[in-house]
Amino acid sequence: MTPKVRRSCSDGTTPTGVATMKAIVRVMPKPGVLDPQGKAIARALGHLGFEGIGEVRAGKLIEVELATADAEAARQAAAAMAEALLANTVIESFSVEIA
């Protein structure tokens, strides 16, 4: 079964008039977990001449458009998505923002 793709309009609805909300999921390595990508970025910044670089942590930002007008339902759905797929909760933490 192919999922339906819903394109949103500038007013926050789909072309069929369904209200949408955007969930922003930020995923970061947990404190104490090695972050080789962050270390590589810090080294590269130093090689490029940037001074005063401390610890660098690299994560990911995922935007998900949800067909709902209920901000709490959107937050709960995005958190469930993060738990199930978007974050490895053993080594990563996540936060959800509804825009």
PDB file of N, CA and C in Angstrom:
ATOM      1  N   MET A   1       0.845  -1.186   0.000  1.00  0.00           N
ATOM      2  CA  MET A   1       0.000   0.000   0.000  1.00  0.00           C
ATOM      3  C   MET A   1       0.882   1.237   0.000  1.00  0.00           C
ATOM      4  N   THR A   2       0.673   2.126  -0.929  1.00  0.00           N
ATOM      5  CA  THR A   2       1.450   3.346  -1.039  1.00  0.00           C
ATOM      6  C   THR A   2       0.811   4.440  -0.199  1.00  0.00           C
ATOM      7  N   PRO A   3       1.598   5.110   0.681  1.00  0.00           N
ATOM      8  CA  PRO A   3       1.005   6.185   1.486  1.00  0.00           C
ATOM      9  C   PRO A   3       0.643   7.373   0.612  1.00  0.00           C
ATOM     10  N   LYS A   4      -0.402   8.074   0.997  1.00  0.00           N
ATOM     11  CA  LYS A   4      -0.814   9.268   0.274  1.00  0.00           C
ATOM     12  C   LYS A   4       0.091  10.425   0.660  1.00  0.00           C
ATOM     13  N   VAL A   5       0.521  11.185  -0.316  1.00  0.00           N
ATOM     14  CA  VAL A   5       1.341  12.365  -0.069  1.00  0.00           C
ATOM     15  C   VAL A   5       0.416  13.567  -0.042  1.00  0.00           C
ATOM     16  N   ARG A   6       0.516  14.337   1.013  1.00  0.00           N
ATOM     17  CA  ARG A   6      -0.313  15.535   1.140  1.00  0.00           C
ATOM     18  C   ARG A   6       0.576  16.757   1.045  1.00  0.00           C
ATOM     19  N   ARG A   7       0.333  17.595   0.105  1.00  0.00           N
ATOM     20  CA  ARG A   7       1.092  18.828  -0.046  1.00  0.00           C
ATOM     21  C   ARG A   7       0.353  19.927   0.722  1.00  0.00           C
ATOM     22  N   SER A   8       1.119  20.743   1.438  1.00  0.00           N
ATOM     23  CA  SER A   8       0.454  21.777   2.224  1.00  0.00           C
ATOM     24  C   SER A   8       0.428  23.103   1.483  1.00  0.00           C
ATOM     25  N   CYS A   9      -0.552  23.913   1.815  1.00  0.00           N
ATOM     26  CA  CYS A   9      -0.687  25.250   1.267  1.00  0.00           C
ATOM     27  C   CYS A   9      -0.076  26.237   2.248  1.00  0.00           C
ATOM     28  N   SER A  10       0.098  27.469   1.822  1.00  0.00           N
ATOM     29  CA  SER A  10       0.718  28.479   2.682  1.00  0.00           C
ATOM     30  C   SER A  10      -0.119  28.801   3.916  1.00  0.00           C
ATOM     31  N   ASP A  11      -1.398  28.484   3.903  1.00  0.00           N
ATOM     32  CA  ASP A  11      -2.246  28.771   5.062  1.00  0.00           C
ATOM     33  C   ASP A  11      -2.272  27.633   6.077  1.00  0.00           C
ATOM     34  N   GLY A  12      -1.408  26.609   5.914  1.00  0.00           N
ATOM     35  CA  GLY A  12      -1.347  25.519   6.877  1.00  0.00           C
ATOM     36  C   GLY A  12      -2.383  24.440   6.663  1.00  0.00           C
ATOM     37  N   THR A  13      -2.920  24.352   5.457  1.00  0.00           N
ATOM     38  CA  THR A  13      -3.858  23.280   5.143  1.00  0.00           C
ATOM     39  C   THR A  13      -3.345  22.544   3.915  1.00  0.00           C
ATOM     40  N   THR A  14      -3.925  21.374   3.663  1.00  0.00           N
ATOM     41  CA  THR A  14      -3.634  20.659   2.428  1.00  0.00           C
ATOM     42  C   THR A  14      -4.584  21.188   1.362  1.00  0.00           C
ATOM     43  N   PRO A  15      -4.349  20.851   0.083  1.00  0.00           N
ATOM     44  CA  PRO A  15      -5.265  21.332  -0.963  1.00  0.00           C
ATOM     45  C   PRO A  15      -6.715  20.910  -0.732  1.00  0.00           C
ATOM     46  N   THR A  16      -6.942  19.854   0.023  1.00  0.00           N
ATOM     47  CA  THR A  16      -8.312  19.426   0.307  1.00  0.00           C
ATOM     48  C   THR A  16      -8.883  20.121   1.536  1.00  0.00           C
ATOM     49  N   GLY A  17      -8.111  21.027   2.151  1.00  0.00           N
ATOM     50  CA  GLY A  17      -8.607  21.785   3.294  1.00  0.00           C
ATOM     51  C   GLY A  17      -8.318  21.165   4.644  1.00  0.00           C
ATOM     52  N   VAL A  18      -7.578  20.062   4.701  1.00  0.00           N
ATOM     53  CA  VAL A  18      -7.239  19.420   5.970  1.00  0.00           C
ATOM     54  C   VAL A  18      -6.153  20.255   6.664  1.00  0.00           C
ATOM     55  N   ALA A  19      -6.369  20.585   7.921  1.00  0.00           N
ATOM     56  CA  ALA A  19      -5.395  21.369   8.674  1.00  0.00           C
ATOM     57  C   ALA A  19      -4.131  20.564   8.899  1.00  0.00           C
ATOM     58  N   THR A  20      -2.989  21.243   8.864  1.00  0.00           N
ATOM     59  CA  THR A  20      -1.705  20.576   9.097  1.00  0.00           C
ATOM     60  C   THR A  20      -0.911  21.318  10.158  1.00  0.00           C
ATOM     61  N   MET A  21      -0.022  20.587  10.800  1.00  0.00           N
ATOM     62  CA  MET A  21       0.924  21.163  11.759  1.00  0.00           C
ATOM     63  C   MET A  21       2.291  20.585  11.435  1.00  0.00           C
ATOM     64  N   LYS A  22       3.319  21.343  11.744  1.00  0.00           N
ATOM     65  CA  LYS A  22       4.667  20.855  11.523  1.00  0.00           C
ATOM     66  C   LYS A  22       5.302  20.521  12.863  1.00  0.00           C
ATOM     67  N   ALA A  23       5.823  19.301  12.955  1.00  0.00           N
ATOM     68  CA  ALA A  23       6.559  18.883  14.141  1.00  0.00           C
ATOM     69  C   ALA A  23       8.044  18.932  13.800  1.00  0.00           C
ATOM     70  N   ILE A  24       8.820  19.509  14.698  1.00  0.00           N
ATOM     71  CA  ILE A  24      10.266  19.571  14.531  1.00  0.00           C
ATOM     72  C   ILE A  24      10.872  18.686  15.612  1.00  0.00           C
ATOM     73  N   VAL A  25      11.561  17.633  15.185  1.00  0.00           N
ATOM     74  CA  VAL A  25      12.171  16.682  16.103  1.00  0.00           C
ATOM     75  C   VAL A  25      13.682  16.892  16.055  1.00  0.00           C
ATOM     76  N   ARG A  26      14.266  17.230  17.201  1.00  0.00           N
ATOM     77  CA  ARG A  26      15.718  17.383  17.309  1.00  0.00           C
ATOM     78  C   ARG A  26      16.274  16.157  18.018  1.00  0.00           C
ATOM     79  N   VAL A  27      17.267  15.524  17.399  1.00  0.00           N
ATOM     80  CA  VAL A  27      17.881  14.315  17.948  1.00  0.00           C
ATOM     81  C   VAL A  27      19.359  14.607  18.175  1.00  0.00           C
ATOM     82  N   MET A  28      19.841  14.336  19.396  1.00  0.00           N
ATOM     83  CA  MET A  28      21.239  14.589  19.746  1.00  0.00           C
ATOM     84  C   MET A  28      21.800  13.398  20.512  1.00  0.00           C
ATOM     85  N   PRO A  29      23.117  13.187  20.388  1.00  0.00           N
ATOM     86  CA  PRO A  29      23.726  12.133  21.208  1.00  0.00           C
ATOM     87  C   PRO A  29      23.556  12.478  22.688  1.00  0.00           C
ATOM     88  N   LYS A  30      23.320  11.460  23.514  1.00  0.00           N
ATOM     89  CA  LYS A  30      23.198  11.696  24.948  1.00  0.00           C
ATOM     90  C   LYS A  30      24.555  12.122  25.514  1.00  0.00           C
ATOM     91  N   PRO A  31      24.550  12.888  26.619  1.00  0.00           N
ATOM     92  CA  PRO A  31      25.824  13.254  27.258  1.00  0.00           C
ATOM     93  C   PRO A  31      26.624  11.994  27.590  1.00  0.00           C
ATOM     94  N   GLY A  32      27.911  12.055  27.338  1.00  0.00           N
ATOM     95  CA  GLY A  32      28.780  10.924  27.637  1.00  0.00           C
ATOM     96  C   GLY A  32      28.916   9.929  26.498  1.00  0.00           C
ATOM     97  N   VAL A  33      28.067  10.021  25.485  1.00  0.00           N
ATOM     98  CA  VAL A  33      28.163   9.137  24.322  1.00  0.00           C
ATOM     99  C   VAL A  33      29.168   9.750  23.355  1.00  0.00           C
ATOM    100  N   LEU A  34      30.087   8.932  22.859  1.00  0.00           N
ATOM    101  CA  LEU A  34      31.075   9.426  21.907  1.00  0.00           C
ATOM    102  C   LEU A  34      30.379   9.995  20.674  1.00  0.00           C
ATOM    103  N   ASP A  35      30.932  11.098  20.166  1.00  0.00           N
ATOM    104  CA  ASP A  35      30.365  11.759  18.991  1.00  0.00           C
ATOM    105  C   ASP A  35      31.491  12.002  17.989  1.00  0.00           C
ATOM    106  N   PRO A  36      31.880  10.990  17.208  1.00  0.00           N
ATOM    107  CA  PRO A  36      32.984  11.167  16.276  1.00  0.00           C
ATOM    108  C   PRO A  36      32.723  12.233  15.215  1.00  0.00           C
ATOM    109  N   GLN A  37      31.480  12.393  14.798  1.00  0.00           N
ATOM    110  CA  GLN A  37      31.164  13.426  13.821  1.00  0.00           C
ATOM    111  C   GLN A  37      31.388  14.815  14.426  1.00  0.00           C
ATOM    112  N   GLY A  38      30.986  15.009  15.670  1.00  0.00           N
ATOM    113  CA  GLY A  38      31.222  16.283  16.344  1.00  0.00           C
ATOM    114  C   GLY A  38      32.701  16.571  16.499  1.00  0.00           C
ATOM    115  N   LYS A  39      33.491  15.549  16.850  1.00  0.00           N
ATOM    116  CA  LYS A  39      34.936  15.725  16.987  1.00  0.00           C
ATOM    117  C   LYS A  39      35.575  16.079  15.649  1.00  0.00           C
ATOM    118  N   ALA A  40      35.131  15.451  14.561  1.00  0.00           N
ATOM    119  CA  ALA A  40      35.656  15.751  13.228  1.00  0.00           C
ATOM    120  C   ALA A  40      35.322  17.189  12.832  1.00  0.00           C
ATOM    121  N   ILE A  41      34.133  17.637  13.156  1.00  0.00           N
ATOM    122  CA  ILE A  41      33.734  19.018  12.855  1.00  0.00           C
ATOM    123  C   ILE A  41      34.607  19.989  13.643  1.00  0.00           C
ATOM    124  N   ALA A  42      34.820  19.709  14.921  1.00  0.00           N
ATOM    125  CA  ALA A  42      35.651  20.586  15.758  1.00  0.00           C
ATOM    126  C   ALA A  42      37.074  20.673  15.195  1.00  0.00           C
ATOM    127  N   ARG A  43      37.652  19.527  14.807  1.00  0.00           N
ATOM    128  CA  ARG A  43      39.004  19.530  14.221  1.00  0.00           C
ATOM    129  C   ARG A  43      39.040  20.332  12.927  1.00  0.00           C
ATOM    130  N   ALA A  44      38.047  20.123  12.056  1.00  0.00           N
ATOM    131  CA  ALA A  44      38.003  20.825  10.775  1.00  0.00           C
ATOM    132  C   ALA A  44      37.870  22.331  10.976  1.00  0.00           C
ATOM    133  N   LEU A  45      37.065  22.750  11.942  1.00  0.00           N
ATOM    134  CA  LEU A  45      36.930  24.183  12.220  1.00  0.00           C
ATOM    135  C   LEU A  45      38.274  24.767  12.659  1.00  0.00           C
ATOM    136  N   GLY A  46      39.002  24.021  13.500  1.00  0.00           N
ATOM    137  CA  GLY A  46      40.329  24.466  13.920  1.00  0.00           C
ATOM    138  C   GLY A  46      41.282  24.587  12.750  1.00  0.00           C
ATOM    139  N   HIS A  47      41.252  23.623  11.849  1.00  0.00           N
ATOM    140  CA  HIS A  47      42.116  23.662  10.658  1.00  0.00           C
ATOM    141  C   HIS A  47      41.748  24.819   9.734  1.00  0.00           C
ATOM    142  N   LEU A  48      40.514  25.239   9.775  1.00  0.00           N
ATOM    143  CA  LEU A  48      40.081  26.369   8.946  1.00  0.00           C
ATOM    144  C   LEU A  48      40.386  27.721   9.592  1.00  0.00           C
ATOM    145  N   GLY A  49      40.980  27.683  10.780  1.00  0.00           N
ATOM    146  CA  GLY A  49      41.394  28.925  11.427  1.00  0.00           C
ATOM    147  C   GLY A  49      40.439  29.462  12.469  1.00  0.00           C
ATOM    148  N   PHE A  50      39.362  28.768  12.742  1.00  0.00           N
ATOM    149  CA  PHE A  50      38.438  29.224  13.773  1.00  0.00           C
ATOM    150  C   PHE A  50      39.037  28.891  15.136  1.00  0.00           C
ATOM    151  N   GLU A  51      39.057  29.880  16.016  1.00  0.00           N
ATOM    152  CA  GLU A  51      39.668  29.697  17.329  1.00  0.00           C
ATOM    153  C   GLU A  51      38.601  29.609  18.411  1.00  0.00           C
ATOM    154  N   GLY A  52      38.989  29.040  19.548  1.00  0.00           N
ATOM    155  CA  GLY A  52      38.100  28.993  20.706  1.00  0.00           C
ATOM    156  C   GLY A  52      36.988  27.966  20.582  1.00  0.00           C
ATOM    157  N   ILE A  53      37.175  26.969  19.741  1.00  0.00           N
ATOM    158  CA  ILE A  53      36.141  25.951  19.573  1.00  0.00           C
ATOM    159  C   ILE A  53      36.231  24.964  20.731  1.00  0.00           C
ATOM    160  N   GLY A  54      35.155  24.804  21.452  1.00  0.00           N
ATOM    161  CA  GLY A  54      35.076  23.813  22.520  1.00  0.00           C
ATOM    162  C   GLY A  54      34.493  22.531  21.963  1.00  0.00           C
ATOM    163  N   GLU A  55      33.751  21.840  22.788  1.00  0.00           N
ATOM    164  CA  GLU A  55      33.130  20.588  22.343  1.00  0.00           C
ATOM    165  C   GLU A  55      32.069  20.874  21.279  1.00  0.00           C
ATOM    166  N   VAL A  56      32.042  20.053  20.261  1.00  0.00           N
ATOM    167  CA  VAL A  56      31.026  20.145  19.213  1.00  0.00           C
ATOM    168  C   VAL A  56      30.237  18.843  19.228  1.00  0.00           C
ATOM    169  N   ARG A  57      28.928  18.937  19.238  1.00  0.00           N
ATOM    170  CA  ARG A  57      28.055  17.763  19.181  1.00  0.00           C
ATOM    171  C   ARG A  57      27.227  17.876  17.902  1.00  0.00           C
ATOM    172  N   ALA A  58      27.136  16.816  17.145  1.00  0.00           N
ATOM    173  CA  ALA A  58      26.369  16.814  15.898  1.00  0.00           C
ATOM    174  C   ALA A  58      25.126  15.956  16.074  1.00  0.00           C
ATOM    175  N   GLY A  59      24.016  16.476  15.624  1.00  0.00           N
ATOM    176  CA  GLY A  59      22.759  15.747  15.710  1.00  0.00           C
ATOM    177  C   GLY A  59      22.001  15.871  14.409  1.00  0.00           C
ATOM    178  N   LYS A  60      20.697  15.710  14.492  1.00  0.00           N
ATOM    179  CA  LYS A  60      19.872  15.848  13.299  1.00  0.00           C
ATOM    180  C   LYS A  60      18.562  16.534  13.652  1.00  0.00           C
ATOM    181  N   LEU A  61      18.006  17.210  12.669  1.00  0.00           N
ATOM    182  CA  LEU A  61      16.726  17.889  12.807  1.00  0.00           C
ATOM    183  C   LEU A  61      15.798  17.314  11.748  1.00  0.00           C
ATOM    184  N   ILE A  62      14.638  16.872  12.165  1.00  0.00           N
ATOM    185  CA  ILE A  62      13.679  16.248  11.254  1.00  0.00           C
ATOM    186  C   ILE A  62      12.369  17.019  11.347  1.00  0.00           C
ATOM    187  N   GLU A  63      11.851  17.464  10.211  1.00  0.00           N
ATOM    188  CA  GLU A  63      10.557  18.149  10.164  1.00  0.00           C
ATOM    189  C   GLU A  63       9.526  17.175   9.601  1.00  0.00           C
ATOM    190  N   VAL A  64       8.407  17.054  10.303  1.00  0.00           N
ATOM    191  CA  VAL A  64       7.334  16.153   9.875  1.00  0.00           C
ATOM    192  C   VAL A  64       6.045  16.956   9.803  1.00  0.00           C
ATOM    193  N   GLU A  65       5.400  16.940   8.652  1.00  0.00           N
ATOM    194  CA  GLU A  65       4.113  17.602   8.511  1.00  0.00           C
ATOM    195  C   GLU A  65       3.017  16.606   8.864  1.00  0.00           C
ATOM    196  N   LEU A  66       2.139  17.010   9.757  1.00  0.00           N
ATOM    197  CA  LEU A  66       1.072  16.131  10.236  1.00  0.00           C
ATOM    198  C   LEU A  66      -0.295  16.723   9.908  1.00  0.00           C
ATOM    199  N   ALA A  67      -1.209  15.902   9.464  1.00  0.00           N
ATOM    200  CA  ALA A  67      -2.551  16.341   9.107  1.00  0.00           C
ATOM    201  C   ALA A  67      -3.423  16.358  10.356  1.00  0.00           C
ATOM    202  N   THR A  68      -3.239  17.397  11.171  1.00  0.00           N
ATOM    203  CA  THR A  68      -4.048  17.586  12.372  1.00  0.00           C
ATOM    204  C   THR A  68      -4.033  19.063  12.752  1.00  0.00           C
ATOM    205  N   ALA A  69      -5.063  19.501  13.442  1.00  0.00           N
ATOM    206  CA  ALA A  69      -5.100  20.862  13.964  1.00  0.00           C
ATOM    207  C   ALA A  69      -4.853  20.875  15.462  1.00  0.00           C
ATOM    208  N   ASP A  70      -4.677  19.699  16.059  1.00  0.00           N
ATOM    209  CA  ASP A  70      -4.494  19.554  17.504  1.00  0.00           C
ATOM    210  C   ASP A  70      -3.000  19.486  17.829  1.00  0.00           C
ATOM    211  N   ALA A  71      -2.473  20.539  18.464  1.00  0.00           N
ATOM    212  CA  ALA A  71      -1.042  20.619  18.746  1.00  0.00           C
ATOM    213  C   ALA A  71      -0.582  19.492  19.669  1.00  0.00           C
ATOM    214  N   GLU A  72      -1.366  19.139  20.653  1.00  0.00           N
ATOM    215  CA  GLU A  72      -0.968  18.069  21.581  1.00  0.00           C
ATOM    216  C   GLU A  72      -0.949  16.711  20.879  1.00  0.00           C
ATOM    217  N   ALA A  73      -1.916  16.476  20.018  1.00  0.00           N
ATOM    218  CA  ALA A  73      -1.932  15.220  19.252  1.00  0.00           C
ATOM    219  C   ALA A  73      -0.723  15.161  18.319  1.00  0.00           C
ATOM    220  N   ALA A  74      -0.364  16.295  17.717  1.00  0.00           N
ATOM    221  CA  ALA A  74       0.806  16.351  16.843  1.00  0.00           C
ATOM    222  C   ALA A  74       2.078  16.081  17.638  1.00  0.00           C
ATOM    223  N   ARG A  75       2.184  16.663  18.844  1.00  0.00           N
ATOM    224  CA  ARG A  75       3.368  16.450  19.679  1.00  0.00           C
ATOM    225  C   ARG A  75       3.496  14.983  20.074  1.00  0.00           C
ATOM    226  N   GLN A  76       2.387  14.385  20.476  1.00  0.00           N
ATOM    227  CA  GLN A  76       2.400  12.973  20.872  1.00  0.00           C
ATOM    228  C   GLN A  76       2.752  12.070  19.692  1.00  0.00           C
ATOM    229  N   ALA A  77       2.217  12.376  18.519  1.00  0.00           N
ATOM    230  CA  ALA A  77       2.515  11.568  17.335  1.00  0.00           C
ATOM    231  C   ALA A  77       3.996  11.679  16.977  1.00  0.00           C
ATOM    232  N   ALA A  78       4.541  12.887  17.010  1.00  0.00           N
ATOM    233  CA  ALA A  78       5.954  13.082  16.681  1.00  0.00           C
ATOM    234  C   ALA A  78       6.855  12.397  17.702  1.00  0.00           C
ATOM    235  N   ALA A  79       6.479  12.440  18.980  1.00  0.00           N
ATOM    236  CA  ALA A  79       7.265  11.760  20.013  1.00  0.00           C
ATOM    237  C   ALA A  79       7.232  10.248  19.798  1.00  0.00           C
ATOM    238  N   ALA A  80       6.086   9.716  19.410  1.00  0.00           N
ATOM    239  CA  ALA A  80       5.982   8.282  19.131  1.00  0.00           C
ATOM    240  C   ALA A  80       6.849   7.909  17.930  1.00  0.00           C
ATOM    241  N   MET A  81       6.879   8.769  16.915  1.00  0.00           N
ATOM    242  CA  MET A  81       7.727   8.535  15.741  1.00  0.00           C
ATOM    243  C   MET A  81       9.204   8.535  16.133  1.00  0.00           C
ATOM    244  N   ALA A  82       9.577   9.471  17.002  1.00  0.00           N
ATOM    245  CA  ALA A  82      10.967   9.550  17.452  1.00  0.00           C
ATOM    246  C   ALA A  82      11.340   8.297  18.237  1.00  0.00           C
ATOM    247  N   GLU A  83      10.469   7.852  19.112  1.00  0.00           N
ATOM    248  CA  GLU A  83      10.722   6.636  19.899  1.00  0.00           C
ATOM    249  C   GLU A  83      10.852   5.406  19.004  1.00  0.00           C
ATOM    250  N   ALA A  84      10.015   5.329  17.968  1.00  0.00           N
ATOM    251  CA  ALA A  84       9.968   4.144  17.119  1.00  0.00           C
ATOM    252  C   ALA A  84      11.043   4.112  16.043  1.00  0.00           C
ATOM    253  N   LEU A  85      11.432   5.294  15.510  1.00  0.00           N
ATOM    254  CA  LEU A  85      12.297   5.292  14.336  1.00  0.00           C
ATOM    255  C   LEU A  85      13.337   6.399  14.290  1.00  0.00           C
ATOM    256  N   LEU A  86      12.964   7.608  14.637  1.00  0.00           N
ATOM    257  CA  LEU A  86      13.821   8.760  14.372  1.00  0.00           C
ATOM    258  C   LEU A  86      15.033   8.854  15.286  1.00  0.00           C
ATOM    259  N   ALA A  87      14.950   8.314  16.488  1.00  0.00           N
ATOM    260  CA  ALA A  87      16.062   8.373  17.443  1.00  0.00           C
ATOM    261  C   ALA A  87      16.374   6.980  17.962  1.00  0.00           C
ATOM    262  N   ASN A  88      17.654   6.722  18.172  1.00  0.00           N
ATOM    263  CA  ASN A  88      18.076   5.507  18.868  1.00  0.00           C
ATOM    264  C   ASN A  88      18.134   5.890  20.343  1.00  0.00           C
ATOM    265  N   THR A  89      17.072   5.623  21.078  1.00  0.00           N
ATOM    266  CA  THR A  89      16.938   6.147  22.436  1.00  0.00           C
ATOM    267  C   THR A  89      17.938   5.556  23.424  1.00  0.00           C
ATOM    268  N   VAL A  90      18.706   4.561  23.018  1.00  0.00           N
ATOM    269  CA  VAL A  90      19.762   4.044  23.882  1.00  0.00           C
ATOM    270  C   VAL A  90      20.906   5.055  23.958  1.00  0.00           C
ATOM    271  N   ILE A  91      21.227   5.699  22.826  1.00  0.00           N
ATOM    272  CA  ILE A  91      22.369   6.619  22.785  1.00  0.00           C
ATOM    273  C   ILE A  91      22.000   8.038  22.398  1.00  0.00           C
ATOM    274  N   GLU A  92      20.729   8.277  22.040  1.00  0.00           N
ATOM    275  CA  GLU A  92      20.309   9.618  21.621  1.00  0.00           C
ATOM    276  C   GLU A  92      19.106  10.081  22.435  1.00  0.00           C
ATOM    277  N   SER A  93      19.040  11.378  22.625  1.00  0.00           N
ATOM    278  CA  SER A  93      17.854  11.982  23.223  1.00  0.00           C
ATOM    279  C   SER A  93      17.159  12.802  22.127  1.00  0.00           C
ATOM    280  N   PHE A  94      15.892  13.119  22.332  1.00  0.00           N
ATOM    281  CA  PHE A  94      15.183  13.908  21.344  1.00  0.00           C
ATOM    282  C   PHE A  94      14.263  14.898  22.037  1.00  0.00           C
ATOM    283  N   SER A  95      13.925  15.944  21.302  1.00  0.00           N
ATOM    284  CA  SER A  95      12.914  16.898  21.751  1.00  0.00           C
ATOM    285  C   SER A  95      11.980  17.166  20.591  1.00  0.00           C
ATOM    286  N   VAL A  96      10.742  17.531  20.907  1.00  0.00           N
ATOM    287  CA  VAL A  96       9.733  17.791  19.882  1.00  0.00           C
ATOM    288  C   VAL A  96       9.201  19.188  20.066  1.00  0.00           C
ATOM    289  N   GLU A  97       9.135  19.921  18.980  1.00  0.00           N
ATOM    290  CA  GLU A  97       8.555  21.274  18.958  1.00  0.00           C
ATOM    291  C   GLU A  97       7.475  21.288  17.895  1.00  0.00           C
ATOM    292  N   ILE A  98       6.350  21.897  18.183  1.00  0.00           N
ATOM    293  CA  ILE A  98       5.285  22.038  17.202  1.00  0.00           C
ATOM    294  C   ILE A  98       5.288  23.471  16.690  1.00  0.00           C
ATOM    295  N   ALA A  99       5.394  23.589  15.372  1.00  0.00           N
ATOM    296  CA  ALA A  99       5.458  24.937  14.757  1.00  0.00           C
ATOM    297  C   ALA A  99       4.134  25.268  14.101  1.00  0.00           C
TER     298      ALA A  99
END
